[in-house]
N, C-alpha and C. Protein backbone atom coordinates (compact mmCIF):
# COMPACT_ATOMS: atom_id res chain seq x y z
N MET A 1 63.12 48.83 -2.11
CA MET A 1 62.61 48.04 -3.24
C MET A 1 63.28 46.67 -3.27
N GLY A 2 64.25 46.46 -2.41
CA GLY A 2 64.95 45.19 -2.50
C GLY A 2 65.99 45.32 -3.59
N ASN A 3 66.67 44.25 -3.85
CA ASN A 3 67.79 44.34 -4.79
C ASN A 3 67.40 43.78 -6.14
N TYR A 4 66.11 43.64 -6.40
CA TYR A 4 65.72 43.13 -7.70
C TYR A 4 65.44 44.29 -8.64
N SER A 5 65.36 43.98 -9.91
CA SER A 5 65.15 45.02 -10.91
C SER A 5 63.88 44.70 -11.70
N VAL A 6 63.24 45.72 -12.21
CA VAL A 6 62.08 45.52 -13.07
C VAL A 6 62.24 46.31 -14.35
N VAL A 7 61.73 45.76 -15.45
CA VAL A 7 61.61 46.50 -16.69
C VAL A 7 60.14 46.88 -16.84
N VAL A 8 59.90 48.19 -16.86
CA VAL A 8 58.54 48.70 -17.03
C VAL A 8 58.37 49.04 -18.50
N LEU A 9 57.34 48.47 -19.15
CA LEU A 9 57.26 48.66 -20.60
C LEU A 9 55.88 49.10 -21.05
N ASP A 10 55.86 49.69 -22.23
CA ASP A 10 54.61 50.15 -22.82
C ASP A 10 54.71 50.04 -24.33
N PHE A 11 53.64 49.51 -24.93
CA PHE A 11 53.56 49.43 -26.39
C PHE A 11 52.55 50.43 -26.92
N GLU A 12 52.85 51.03 -28.07
CA GLU A 12 51.80 51.64 -28.90
C GLU A 12 51.59 50.66 -30.05
N THR A 13 50.34 50.53 -30.49
CA THR A 13 49.99 49.44 -31.42
C THR A 13 49.02 49.94 -32.50
N THR A 14 48.83 49.11 -33.52
CA THR A 14 47.90 49.49 -34.60
C THR A 14 46.45 49.31 -34.18
N GLY A 15 46.20 48.62 -33.08
CA GLY A 15 44.84 48.35 -32.62
C GLY A 15 44.88 47.56 -31.33
N LEU A 16 43.76 46.94 -30.98
CA LEU A 16 43.65 46.37 -29.64
C LEU A 16 44.02 44.90 -29.53
N SER A 17 44.12 44.19 -30.66
CA SER A 17 44.17 42.75 -30.52
C SER A 17 45.16 42.06 -31.44
N PRO A 18 46.24 41.50 -30.86
CA PRO A 18 47.20 40.81 -31.72
C PRO A 18 46.60 39.59 -32.41
N GLN A 19 45.57 38.97 -31.79
CA GLN A 19 45.05 37.79 -32.50
C GLN A 19 44.23 38.16 -33.73
N TYR A 20 43.87 39.43 -33.86
CA TYR A 20 43.20 39.86 -35.11
C TYR A 20 44.18 40.60 -36.02
N GLY A 21 45.47 40.37 -35.80
CA GLY A 21 46.45 40.90 -36.74
C GLY A 21 47.03 42.25 -36.39
N ASP A 22 46.66 42.82 -35.22
CA ASP A 22 47.25 44.10 -34.85
C ASP A 22 48.71 43.90 -34.45
N ARG A 23 49.51 44.95 -34.72
CA ARG A 23 50.96 44.85 -34.49
C ARG A 23 51.43 46.02 -33.62
N ALA A 24 52.60 45.84 -33.05
CA ALA A 24 53.23 46.90 -32.27
C ALA A 24 53.84 47.93 -33.22
N ILE A 25 53.76 49.23 -32.85
CA ILE A 25 54.40 50.26 -33.67
C ILE A 25 55.44 51.06 -32.87
N GLU A 26 55.40 50.92 -31.54
CA GLU A 26 56.43 51.57 -30.73
C GLU A 26 56.55 50.83 -29.42
N ILE A 27 57.77 50.73 -28.92
CA ILE A 27 57.97 50.20 -27.58
C ILE A 27 58.82 51.19 -26.80
N GLY A 28 58.43 51.38 -25.55
CA GLY A 28 59.23 52.18 -24.63
C GLY A 28 59.39 51.36 -23.37
N ALA A 29 60.57 51.36 -22.77
CA ALA A 29 60.79 50.60 -21.55
C ALA A 29 61.85 51.27 -20.72
N VAL A 30 61.71 51.14 -19.40
CA VAL A 30 62.74 51.65 -18.51
C VAL A 30 63.13 50.55 -17.54
N LEU A 31 64.38 50.55 -17.17
CA LEU A 31 64.89 49.59 -16.20
C LEU A 31 64.98 50.30 -14.85
N VAL A 32 64.31 49.74 -13.84
CA VAL A 32 64.31 50.32 -12.50
C VAL A 32 65.11 49.39 -11.59
N GLU A 33 66.14 49.95 -10.95
CA GLU A 33 66.93 49.21 -9.97
C GLU A 33 67.00 50.03 -8.70
N ASN A 34 66.73 49.37 -7.56
CA ASN A 34 66.77 50.08 -6.28
C ASN A 34 66.01 51.41 -6.33
N ASN A 35 64.82 51.34 -6.89
CA ASN A 35 63.94 52.52 -6.94
C ASN A 35 64.45 53.66 -7.81
N GLU A 36 65.39 53.37 -8.71
CA GLU A 36 65.88 54.42 -9.61
C GLU A 36 65.75 53.92 -11.05
N ILE A 37 65.39 54.84 -11.95
CA ILE A 37 65.45 54.50 -13.37
C ILE A 37 66.91 54.56 -13.80
N VAL A 38 67.44 53.42 -14.25
CA VAL A 38 68.87 53.38 -14.59
C VAL A 38 69.12 53.21 -16.08
N ASP A 39 68.10 52.84 -16.84
CA ASP A 39 68.33 52.66 -18.28
C ASP A 39 67.00 52.79 -19.01
N ARG A 40 67.08 53.13 -20.30
CA ARG A 40 65.87 53.33 -21.11
C ARG A 40 66.02 52.64 -22.46
N PHE A 41 64.89 52.25 -23.03
CA PHE A 41 64.88 51.66 -24.37
C PHE A 41 63.65 52.21 -25.08
N GLN A 42 63.85 52.74 -26.29
CA GLN A 42 62.69 53.23 -27.04
C GLN A 42 62.95 53.05 -28.51
N SER A 43 61.93 52.59 -29.24
CA SER A 43 62.04 52.56 -30.69
C SER A 43 60.66 52.52 -31.33
N LEU A 44 60.52 53.27 -32.41
CA LEU A 44 59.39 53.04 -33.31
C LEU A 44 59.70 51.79 -34.11
N MET A 45 58.67 51.13 -34.65
CA MET A 45 58.93 49.97 -35.50
C MET A 45 57.90 49.89 -36.59
N ASN A 46 58.38 49.53 -37.76
CA ASN A 46 57.54 49.50 -38.95
C ASN A 46 56.74 48.20 -38.97
N PRO A 47 55.39 48.31 -38.88
CA PRO A 47 54.58 47.09 -38.82
C PRO A 47 54.32 46.46 -40.19
N GLY A 48 54.82 47.12 -41.26
CA GLY A 48 54.58 46.57 -42.59
C GLY A 48 53.13 46.73 -43.03
N MET A 49 52.40 47.63 -42.36
CA MET A 49 51.02 47.92 -42.75
C MET A 49 50.74 49.36 -42.37
N LYS A 50 49.71 49.92 -42.97
CA LYS A 50 49.35 51.31 -42.66
C LYS A 50 48.60 51.36 -41.32
N VAL A 51 48.82 52.42 -40.55
CA VAL A 51 48.01 52.60 -39.34
C VAL A 51 46.86 53.55 -39.66
N SER A 52 45.78 53.39 -38.90
CA SER A 52 44.57 54.19 -39.16
C SER A 52 44.79 55.64 -38.74
N SER A 53 43.94 56.53 -39.26
CA SER A 53 44.06 57.94 -38.88
C SER A 53 43.74 58.10 -37.39
N PHE A 54 42.90 57.23 -36.83
CA PHE A 54 42.60 57.29 -35.40
C PHE A 54 43.90 57.07 -34.59
N ILE A 55 44.65 56.05 -34.95
CA ILE A 55 45.89 55.74 -34.22
C ILE A 55 46.92 56.86 -34.45
N GLU A 56 46.97 57.39 -35.67
CA GLU A 56 47.89 58.52 -35.92
C GLU A 56 47.57 59.68 -34.98
N GLU A 57 46.27 59.97 -34.84
CA GLU A 57 45.88 61.10 -33.98
C GLU A 57 46.08 60.78 -32.51
N TYR A 58 45.75 59.56 -32.12
CA TYR A 58 45.80 59.15 -30.70
C TYR A 58 47.24 59.14 -30.20
N THR A 59 48.16 58.64 -31.01
CA THR A 59 49.55 58.47 -30.55
C THR A 59 50.47 59.57 -31.07
N GLY A 60 50.07 60.25 -32.14
CA GLY A 60 50.98 61.19 -32.78
C GLY A 60 52.04 60.48 -33.63
N ILE A 61 51.88 59.16 -33.80
CA ILE A 61 52.82 58.39 -34.63
C ILE A 61 52.21 58.27 -36.03
N THR A 62 52.89 58.83 -37.03
CA THR A 62 52.31 58.84 -38.37
C THR A 62 52.89 57.72 -39.24
N ASN A 63 52.18 57.42 -40.31
CA ASN A 63 52.67 56.41 -41.26
C ASN A 63 54.03 56.81 -41.81
N ARG A 64 54.22 58.11 -42.02
CA ARG A 64 55.51 58.56 -42.55
C ARG A 64 56.64 58.24 -41.57
N MET A 65 56.39 58.46 -40.27
CA MET A 65 57.40 58.13 -39.25
C MET A 65 57.72 56.63 -39.27
N LEU A 66 56.68 55.82 -39.44
CA LEU A 66 56.88 54.37 -39.39
C LEU A 66 57.59 53.85 -40.63
N ASP A 67 57.34 54.50 -41.77
CA ASP A 67 57.98 54.07 -43.02
C ASP A 67 59.50 54.07 -42.90
N SER A 68 60.03 55.02 -42.14
CA SER A 68 61.49 55.10 -42.04
C SER A 68 62.03 54.42 -40.77
N SER A 69 61.16 53.68 -40.07
CA SER A 69 61.58 53.01 -38.83
C SER A 69 62.08 51.60 -39.10
N PRO A 70 62.89 51.05 -38.18
CA PRO A 70 63.34 49.66 -38.36
C PRO A 70 62.17 48.68 -38.25
N SER A 71 62.37 47.47 -38.73
CA SER A 71 61.30 46.47 -38.70
C SER A 71 61.03 46.02 -37.26
N ILE A 72 59.83 45.50 -37.04
CA ILE A 72 59.49 44.98 -35.71
C ILE A 72 60.48 43.89 -35.31
N THR A 73 60.83 43.02 -36.26
CA THR A 73 61.75 41.92 -35.98
C THR A 73 63.06 42.44 -35.40
N GLU A 74 63.61 43.44 -36.06
CA GLU A 74 64.88 44.02 -35.62
C GLU A 74 64.76 44.58 -34.20
N VAL A 75 63.69 45.36 -33.97
CA VAL A 75 63.51 46.01 -32.67
C VAL A 75 63.27 44.97 -31.57
N MET A 76 62.48 43.95 -31.88
CA MET A 76 62.17 42.95 -30.85
C MET A 76 63.41 42.15 -30.46
N HIS A 77 64.29 41.88 -31.42
CA HIS A 77 65.55 41.21 -31.08
C HIS A 77 66.37 42.08 -30.12
N GLU A 78 66.41 43.39 -30.40
CA GLU A 78 67.13 44.30 -29.51
C GLU A 78 66.47 44.34 -28.14
N PHE A 79 65.14 44.40 -28.14
CA PHE A 79 64.44 44.53 -26.86
C PHE A 79 64.63 43.29 -25.99
N THR A 80 64.69 42.11 -26.59
CA THR A 80 64.87 40.91 -25.76
C THR A 80 66.20 40.99 -24.99
N ARG A 81 67.19 41.63 -25.59
CA ARG A 81 68.46 41.80 -24.86
C ARG A 81 68.29 42.78 -23.70
N PHE A 82 67.52 43.84 -23.93
CA PHE A 82 67.28 44.83 -22.86
C PHE A 82 66.45 44.21 -21.73
N MET A 83 65.45 43.44 -22.12
CA MET A 83 64.53 42.82 -21.15
C MET A 83 65.24 41.77 -20.31
N ALA A 84 66.17 41.05 -20.94
CA ALA A 84 66.96 40.02 -20.26
C ALA A 84 66.07 39.17 -19.36
N GLN A 85 66.49 39.00 -18.10
CA GLN A 85 65.70 38.17 -17.18
C GLN A 85 64.93 39.01 -16.16
N HIS A 86 64.85 40.32 -16.39
CA HIS A 86 64.21 41.18 -15.39
C HIS A 86 62.73 40.88 -15.25
N HIS A 87 62.20 41.14 -14.05
CA HIS A 87 60.75 41.11 -13.87
C HIS A 87 60.12 42.18 -14.77
N LEU A 88 58.86 41.99 -15.15
CA LEU A 88 58.20 42.93 -16.07
C LEU A 88 57.00 43.59 -15.39
N VAL A 89 56.80 44.86 -15.72
CA VAL A 89 55.69 45.63 -15.17
C VAL A 89 55.05 46.41 -16.32
N ALA A 90 53.71 46.49 -16.32
CA ALA A 90 53.02 47.38 -17.26
C ALA A 90 51.73 47.84 -16.62
N HIS A 91 51.23 48.99 -17.07
CA HIS A 91 49.96 49.51 -16.59
C HIS A 91 48.88 48.94 -17.50
N ASN A 92 48.10 48.03 -16.95
CA ASN A 92 47.18 47.19 -17.76
C ASN A 92 48.02 46.13 -18.48
N ALA A 93 48.66 45.30 -17.68
CA ALA A 93 49.65 44.34 -18.19
C ALA A 93 49.03 43.32 -19.15
N GLY A 94 47.74 43.07 -19.03
CA GLY A 94 47.09 42.12 -19.94
C GLY A 94 47.29 42.53 -21.39
N PHE A 95 47.15 43.82 -21.65
CA PHE A 95 47.30 44.36 -23.01
C PHE A 95 48.75 44.22 -23.48
N ASP A 96 49.68 44.75 -22.70
CA ASP A 96 51.08 44.77 -23.14
C ASP A 96 51.67 43.36 -23.21
N SER A 97 51.26 42.48 -22.28
CA SER A 97 51.81 41.12 -22.31
C SER A 97 51.33 40.36 -23.55
N ARG A 98 50.09 40.61 -23.98
CA ARG A 98 49.58 39.96 -25.20
C ARG A 98 50.40 40.37 -26.42
N PHE A 99 50.69 41.68 -26.53
CA PHE A 99 51.48 42.15 -27.67
C PHE A 99 52.93 41.66 -27.57
N LEU A 100 53.49 41.70 -26.37
CA LEU A 100 54.86 41.23 -26.21
C LEU A 100 54.96 39.76 -26.63
N ASP A 101 54.03 38.95 -26.14
CA ASP A 101 54.08 37.51 -26.44
C ASP A 101 53.89 37.25 -27.93
N ALA A 102 52.96 38.00 -28.55
CA ALA A 102 52.70 37.80 -29.98
C ALA A 102 53.92 38.18 -30.81
N GLU A 103 54.56 39.30 -30.46
CA GLU A 103 55.73 39.74 -31.24
C GLU A 103 56.95 38.85 -30.96
N LEU A 104 57.08 38.36 -29.74
CA LEU A 104 58.18 37.43 -29.44
C LEU A 104 58.00 36.13 -30.21
N GLN A 105 56.75 35.67 -30.26
CA GLN A 105 56.46 34.42 -30.97
C GLN A 105 56.88 34.51 -32.44
N ARG A 106 56.68 35.67 -33.02
CA ARG A 106 57.04 35.85 -34.43
C ARG A 106 58.54 35.75 -34.67
N ILE A 107 59.34 35.99 -33.62
CA ILE A 107 60.79 35.83 -33.78
C ILE A 107 61.27 34.57 -33.03
N ASN A 108 60.33 33.66 -32.80
CA ASN A 108 60.63 32.38 -32.14
C ASN A 108 61.27 32.54 -30.77
N GLN A 109 60.77 33.51 -30.03
CA GLN A 109 61.25 33.70 -28.65
C GLN A 109 60.06 33.60 -27.72
N GLN A 110 60.37 33.46 -26.44
CA GLN A 110 59.31 33.35 -25.45
C GLN A 110 59.80 33.99 -24.18
N ARG A 111 58.90 34.67 -23.46
CA ARG A 111 59.38 35.25 -22.19
C ARG A 111 59.24 34.20 -21.10
N CYS A 112 60.16 34.23 -20.16
CA CYS A 112 60.06 33.28 -19.05
C CYS A 112 59.60 34.00 -17.78
N GLN A 113 59.71 35.34 -17.77
CA GLN A 113 59.39 36.05 -16.54
C GLN A 113 57.94 36.51 -16.53
N GLU A 114 57.44 36.78 -15.33
CA GLU A 114 56.05 37.17 -15.18
C GLU A 114 55.90 38.69 -15.19
N PHE A 115 54.68 39.11 -15.45
CA PHE A 115 54.31 40.52 -15.41
C PHE A 115 53.63 40.84 -14.08
N ALA A 116 53.87 42.03 -13.57
CA ALA A 116 53.00 42.59 -12.54
C ALA A 116 52.23 43.74 -13.19
N CYS A 117 50.98 43.92 -12.78
CA CYS A 117 50.13 44.96 -13.38
C CYS A 117 49.98 46.12 -12.42
N SER A 118 50.57 47.27 -12.77
CA SER A 118 50.50 48.43 -11.88
C SER A 118 49.08 48.98 -11.78
N LEU A 119 48.25 48.72 -12.78
CA LEU A 119 46.85 49.16 -12.72
C LEU A 119 46.10 48.41 -11.61
N LEU A 120 46.21 47.08 -11.62
CA LEU A 120 45.52 46.28 -10.59
C LEU A 120 46.08 46.58 -9.20
N ILE A 121 47.40 46.74 -9.11
CA ILE A 121 48.02 47.01 -7.81
C ILE A 121 47.59 48.38 -7.29
N SER A 122 47.53 49.37 -8.19
CA SER A 122 47.16 50.73 -7.75
C SER A 122 45.71 50.77 -7.24
N ARG A 123 44.84 49.93 -7.80
CA ARG A 123 43.45 49.88 -7.31
C ARG A 123 43.39 49.40 -5.86
N ARG A 124 44.37 48.56 -5.48
CA ARG A 124 44.37 48.02 -4.13
C ARG A 124 45.11 48.91 -3.14
N VAL A 125 46.10 49.63 -3.65
CA VAL A 125 46.89 50.49 -2.76
C VAL A 125 46.23 51.87 -2.60
N TYR A 126 45.53 52.31 -3.66
CA TYR A 126 44.86 53.62 -3.61
C TYR A 126 43.35 53.46 -3.88
N PRO A 127 42.64 52.71 -3.00
CA PRO A 127 41.22 52.43 -3.27
C PRO A 127 40.36 53.69 -3.22
N GLU A 128 40.89 54.76 -2.60
CA GLU A 128 40.08 55.98 -2.47
C GLU A 128 39.97 56.75 -3.78
N LEU A 129 40.83 56.45 -4.76
CA LEU A 129 40.80 57.20 -6.03
C LEU A 129 39.68 56.68 -6.92
N THR A 130 39.03 57.60 -7.63
CA THR A 130 37.92 57.17 -8.49
C THR A 130 38.41 56.59 -9.81
N SER A 131 39.58 57.04 -10.27
CA SER A 131 40.12 56.50 -11.53
C SER A 131 41.55 56.05 -11.31
N HIS A 132 41.91 54.94 -11.96
CA HIS A 132 43.28 54.43 -11.84
C HIS A 132 43.96 54.40 -13.21
N SER A 133 43.44 55.23 -14.13
CA SER A 133 44.15 55.36 -15.41
C SER A 133 45.49 56.03 -15.12
N LEU A 134 46.44 55.82 -16.01
CA LEU A 134 47.77 56.38 -15.80
C LEU A 134 47.71 57.90 -15.66
N GLU A 135 46.91 58.55 -16.51
CA GLU A 135 46.79 60.01 -16.46
C GLU A 135 46.27 60.46 -15.10
N SER A 136 45.24 59.78 -14.59
CA SER A 136 44.65 60.18 -13.30
C SER A 136 45.63 59.98 -12.16
N LEU A 137 46.35 58.86 -12.19
CA LEU A 137 47.31 58.57 -11.12
C LEU A 137 48.46 59.58 -11.14
N VAL A 138 48.89 59.94 -12.34
CA VAL A 138 49.97 60.93 -12.46
C VAL A 138 49.53 62.24 -11.81
N ARG A 139 48.26 62.63 -12.06
CA ARG A 139 47.74 63.87 -11.47
C ARG A 139 47.58 63.74 -9.95
N SER A 140 46.89 62.68 -9.51
CA SER A 140 46.55 62.61 -8.08
C SER A 140 47.76 62.32 -7.22
N LYS A 141 48.78 61.67 -7.76
CA LYS A 141 49.97 61.34 -6.97
C LYS A 141 51.15 62.25 -7.30
N ASN A 142 50.87 63.29 -8.11
CA ASN A 142 51.95 64.23 -8.47
C ASN A 142 53.19 63.55 -8.99
N LEU A 143 53.01 62.61 -9.89
CA LEU A 143 54.16 61.86 -10.41
C LEU A 143 54.87 62.67 -11.47
N LYS A 144 56.13 62.36 -11.63
CA LYS A 144 56.94 63.06 -12.62
C LYS A 144 56.46 62.70 -14.02
N THR A 145 56.28 63.69 -14.85
CA THR A 145 55.82 63.43 -16.22
C THR A 145 56.37 64.50 -17.13
N ASP A 146 56.59 64.13 -18.38
CA ASP A 146 56.96 65.18 -19.34
C ASP A 146 55.73 65.60 -20.14
N GLY A 147 54.55 65.12 -19.68
CA GLY A 147 53.31 65.60 -20.24
C GLY A 147 52.88 64.97 -21.56
N VAL A 148 53.69 64.05 -22.08
CA VAL A 148 53.31 63.43 -23.36
C VAL A 148 52.65 62.08 -23.07
N HIS A 149 51.33 62.01 -23.28
CA HIS A 149 50.66 60.73 -23.08
C HIS A 149 50.57 60.00 -24.41
N HIS A 150 50.47 58.69 -24.33
CA HIS A 150 50.30 57.84 -25.52
C HIS A 150 51.51 57.88 -26.43
N ARG A 151 52.68 58.09 -25.85
CA ARG A 151 53.92 57.73 -26.53
C ARG A 151 54.60 56.76 -25.57
N ALA A 152 55.18 55.73 -26.13
CA ALA A 152 55.54 54.58 -25.31
C ALA A 152 56.53 54.89 -24.20
N LEU A 153 57.59 55.65 -24.51
CA LEU A 153 58.60 55.87 -23.46
C LEU A 153 58.05 56.76 -22.35
N ALA A 154 57.29 57.79 -22.73
CA ALA A 154 56.70 58.67 -21.71
C ALA A 154 55.78 57.87 -20.79
N ASP A 155 54.95 57.01 -21.37
CA ASP A 155 54.04 56.20 -20.55
C ASP A 155 54.80 55.20 -19.68
N ALA A 156 55.85 54.61 -20.23
CA ALA A 156 56.66 53.66 -19.44
C ALA A 156 57.34 54.38 -18.27
N GLU A 157 57.83 55.59 -18.52
CA GLU A 157 58.47 56.35 -17.43
C GLU A 157 57.47 56.72 -16.35
N MET A 158 56.28 57.15 -16.76
CA MET A 158 55.26 57.50 -15.76
C MET A 158 54.87 56.26 -14.95
N THR A 159 54.76 55.13 -15.64
CA THR A 159 54.42 53.89 -14.94
C THR A 159 55.53 53.50 -13.97
N ALA A 160 56.78 53.73 -14.36
CA ALA A 160 57.91 53.44 -13.47
C ALA A 160 57.85 54.33 -12.23
N HIS A 161 57.54 55.62 -12.42
CA HIS A 161 57.41 56.51 -11.25
C HIS A 161 56.26 56.06 -10.36
N LEU A 162 55.18 55.59 -10.98
CA LEU A 162 54.04 55.07 -10.21
C LEU A 162 54.46 53.85 -9.40
N TRP A 163 55.20 52.94 -10.04
CA TRP A 163 55.66 51.72 -9.38
C TRP A 163 56.52 52.05 -8.14
N VAL A 164 57.45 52.98 -8.32
CA VAL A 164 58.33 53.40 -7.23
C VAL A 164 57.49 54.01 -6.11
N ASN A 165 56.50 54.82 -6.49
CA ASN A 165 55.60 55.46 -5.53
C ASN A 165 54.82 54.43 -4.72
N ILE A 166 54.29 53.41 -5.43
CA ILE A 166 53.53 52.34 -4.77
C ILE A 166 54.42 51.63 -3.74
N VAL A 167 55.63 51.27 -4.17
CA VAL A 167 56.56 50.56 -3.28
C VAL A 167 56.85 51.41 -2.04
N ASN A 168 57.13 52.70 -2.25
CA ASN A 168 57.44 53.58 -1.12
C ASN A 168 56.25 53.76 -0.19
N ASP A 169 55.04 53.90 -0.77
CA ASP A 169 53.85 54.07 0.05
C ASP A 169 53.55 52.82 0.88
N ILE A 170 53.75 51.64 0.29
CA ILE A 170 53.52 50.40 1.04
C ILE A 170 54.54 50.28 2.17
N LYS A 171 55.80 50.63 1.87
CA LYS A 171 56.83 50.60 2.92
C LYS A 171 56.44 51.52 4.06
N ALA A 172 56.05 52.75 3.71
CA ALA A 172 55.75 53.76 4.74
C ALA A 172 54.53 53.36 5.56
N GLU A 173 53.51 52.85 4.89
CA GLU A 173 52.25 52.59 5.60
C GLU A 173 52.29 51.30 6.42
N TYR A 174 52.98 50.28 5.91
CA TYR A 174 52.91 48.98 6.58
C TYR A 174 54.22 48.57 7.24
N GLY A 175 55.27 49.38 7.09
CA GLY A 175 56.52 49.07 7.76
C GLY A 175 57.35 47.98 7.11
N PHE A 176 57.20 47.82 5.79
CA PHE A 176 58.06 46.87 5.08
C PHE A 176 59.47 47.43 4.95
N LYS A 177 60.45 46.56 5.08
CA LYS A 177 61.83 46.96 4.74
C LYS A 177 62.03 46.81 3.23
N GLN A 178 61.51 45.70 2.70
CA GLN A 178 61.56 45.42 1.26
C GLN A 178 60.14 45.07 0.83
N VAL A 179 59.81 45.40 -0.39
CA VAL A 179 58.51 44.96 -0.92
C VAL A 179 58.79 44.03 -2.09
N PRO A 180 58.80 42.72 -1.86
CA PRO A 180 59.19 41.80 -2.93
C PRO A 180 58.25 41.86 -4.12
N PHE A 181 58.80 41.60 -5.29
CA PHE A 181 58.02 41.59 -6.52
C PHE A 181 56.86 40.61 -6.41
N ASP A 182 57.14 39.44 -5.86
CA ASP A 182 56.13 38.39 -5.76
C ASP A 182 54.95 38.83 -4.88
N LEU A 183 55.26 39.61 -3.84
CA LEU A 183 54.21 40.13 -2.96
C LEU A 183 53.27 41.05 -3.75
N LEU A 184 53.85 41.90 -4.60
CA LEU A 184 53.02 42.82 -5.39
C LEU A 184 52.18 42.05 -6.40
N LYS A 185 52.77 41.01 -6.98
CA LYS A 185 51.99 40.18 -7.90
C LYS A 185 50.81 39.53 -7.17
N ARG A 186 51.06 39.04 -5.95
CA ARG A 186 49.97 38.41 -5.19
C ARG A 186 48.93 39.45 -4.78
N LEU A 187 49.40 40.64 -4.42
CA LEU A 187 48.48 41.72 -4.04
C LEU A 187 47.49 42.02 -5.16
N SER A 188 47.95 41.96 -6.40
CA SER A 188 47.08 42.32 -7.53
C SER A 188 45.91 41.35 -7.67
N LYS A 189 45.98 40.18 -7.02
CA LYS A 189 44.90 39.19 -7.13
C LYS A 189 44.01 39.15 -5.88
N VAL A 190 44.40 39.91 -4.84
CA VAL A 190 43.62 39.96 -3.61
C VAL A 190 42.44 40.91 -3.82
N SER A 191 41.29 40.62 -3.22
CA SER A 191 40.17 41.56 -3.40
C SER A 191 40.51 42.89 -2.73
N LYS A 192 39.94 43.97 -3.26
CA LYS A 192 40.28 45.30 -2.77
C LYS A 192 40.03 45.43 -1.27
N SER A 193 38.92 44.87 -0.79
CA SER A 193 38.58 45.03 0.62
C SER A 193 39.57 44.28 1.53
N LEU A 194 40.20 43.22 1.01
CA LEU A 194 41.13 42.44 1.84
C LEU A 194 42.58 42.89 1.70
N ALA A 195 42.83 43.83 0.78
CA ALA A 195 44.22 44.24 0.52
C ALA A 195 44.94 44.76 1.77
N PRO A 196 44.32 45.65 2.58
CA PRO A 196 45.04 46.14 3.76
C PRO A 196 45.43 45.01 4.72
N THR A 197 44.50 44.07 4.95
CA THR A 197 44.79 42.93 5.84
C THR A 197 45.92 42.09 5.27
N PHE A 198 45.86 41.84 3.97
CA PHE A 198 46.90 41.06 3.29
C PHE A 198 48.27 41.71 3.52
N LEU A 199 48.34 43.03 3.34
CA LEU A 199 49.62 43.74 3.47
C LEU A 199 50.09 43.77 4.93
N ARG A 200 49.15 43.97 5.87
CA ARG A 200 49.53 43.97 7.30
C ARG A 200 50.14 42.64 7.70
N ARG A 201 49.45 41.55 7.29
CA ARG A 201 49.95 40.21 7.64
C ARG A 201 51.32 39.95 7.03
N ALA A 202 51.46 40.34 5.75
CA ALA A 202 52.74 40.12 5.08
C ALA A 202 53.86 40.90 5.78
N ALA A 203 53.54 42.10 6.24
CA ALA A 203 54.55 42.92 6.95
C ALA A 203 54.95 42.28 8.27
N GLU A 204 53.95 41.73 8.97
CA GLU A 204 54.24 41.06 10.25
C GLU A 204 55.10 39.83 10.06
N ASN A 205 54.95 39.17 8.91
CA ASN A 205 55.70 37.93 8.68
C ASN A 205 57.05 38.13 8.00
N GLN A 206 57.44 39.40 7.90
CA GLN A 206 58.75 39.64 7.28
C GLN A 206 59.87 39.08 8.13
N GLU A 207 60.92 38.68 7.45
CA GLU A 207 62.10 38.20 8.20
C GLU A 207 62.64 39.32 9.08
């Protein structure tokens, strides 16, 4: 994996869109170094509003649980310390990056690092699979899971195992010694049909 580290994160939220006032209600994140999970961060956070019964059922996070949780502001300040300068990864990063940016903005912070999207990357590395949802990938790739979906830390851990799996599979198939973060970010923008050629060429051009 090289000597860089990534923070893999997942939000549970009150809805789909921060620009329409939806807020984060839970964050889970894991720090991956040298292909190992070395640290974890998890917290519920009180959004100062009620969540719908749909979200309560979908996530198992109830209004009562949130009432006794710390404020989003408090949790986001803590999370920025955990996130530090690490590269960021999420499964469907567009969603999580929007919420991260919106919540950081509320505490006058901004992220400087980029996201890689494990969903887009998995579509290019595993084109034979019919679904690239986290649940499907966990099943088809036999990834480690504690079986709890739609809770932030469980989803972040599964995504971290997926990320490690992707890195190892690319190494094994194309002969990479290291798979740089930037290469994976570029891979996510390559068309699916050109992904194998892109990876072969990148492997040939390794130092």
